Every structure is written in structure tokens, then in C-alpha cells.
Amino acid sequence: MRQPLRHHGYKLSNASDDSYVTALLSQALTSDVVFWGPLGRSEGIAAIERFVLDIRRHPAGTGTMVRRSAVDMPDEWARYQWVFTTPDGGPRLAGTDVVHLRRSLIDQVIVFAGEIKPSAS
């Protein structure tokens, strides 16, 4: 069985070169993957590839994305938290990804970028 979550997010953003990103996505995603990102809904591997490549080319410099939680995976859904930092204390972004698996491949990706503030009691 393939392990799509190990290819997603942090590994893609930290790939050695852009061509490796495409190869990883092709192994982890269905061709009709639905992507819900910061700019709305899009479909297909190319949509996620554009998003990942945009992160890799951050204006503040090449950043690093690290998963900062375990993968919580009840049945066909999974979620995990991540943090993206740029060099020299540059911009930092954190978030949570939720993915849906179909036949061991990711067919939906939902990106929640930004910290969730504690609720006021």
C-alpha cells in the first residue's frame, strides 16, 4: 500500500528541486483531486503543484515546512498540523491540512492556514 501522507505537504515543500514535486504528487494524489486552498476551490494535480511551487518560491526566501503533529487518521480522513518558516526569522505560517483518501490516494485536500486562537470562555 502506498503511503500518500508521507509525500504530502512538508516533504513536497522541502523537495530538492521542482521536478521532484511533480513526481511526489503523482504518487500521492488521484488525477481528479479537489483542492480547497487559501484562494478557493480548484481541481487536479496541477492546482496543488502550483500551490506547492508558490510556497517553495516565497519572496522572503526558500522556507522549510515541518509537520508539527501526529497524523490523526480516522478511516478515510486524515489531518495534521504544519508550520512553514522562512530563513532569518522571516514570515512564519502555521496551519492544518485535512485530506480524504480513496483507494490509498489523496482525492481531497483542505488547507487551513493560520493559527486557531483559543475560544474565550
Foldseek 3Di string as FASTA:
>chain_A
DDQLVVLDDQVLLPDPDLVVNLVSLVRAADQFAWEQEPVGIDTGSVVVSVVSVCQCPDVLHGKGKDWDADWDDDDQKIKTKMKIAHPPRDDIKIWMWMFGDDPRHTRYIYIGIHDDDDDDD
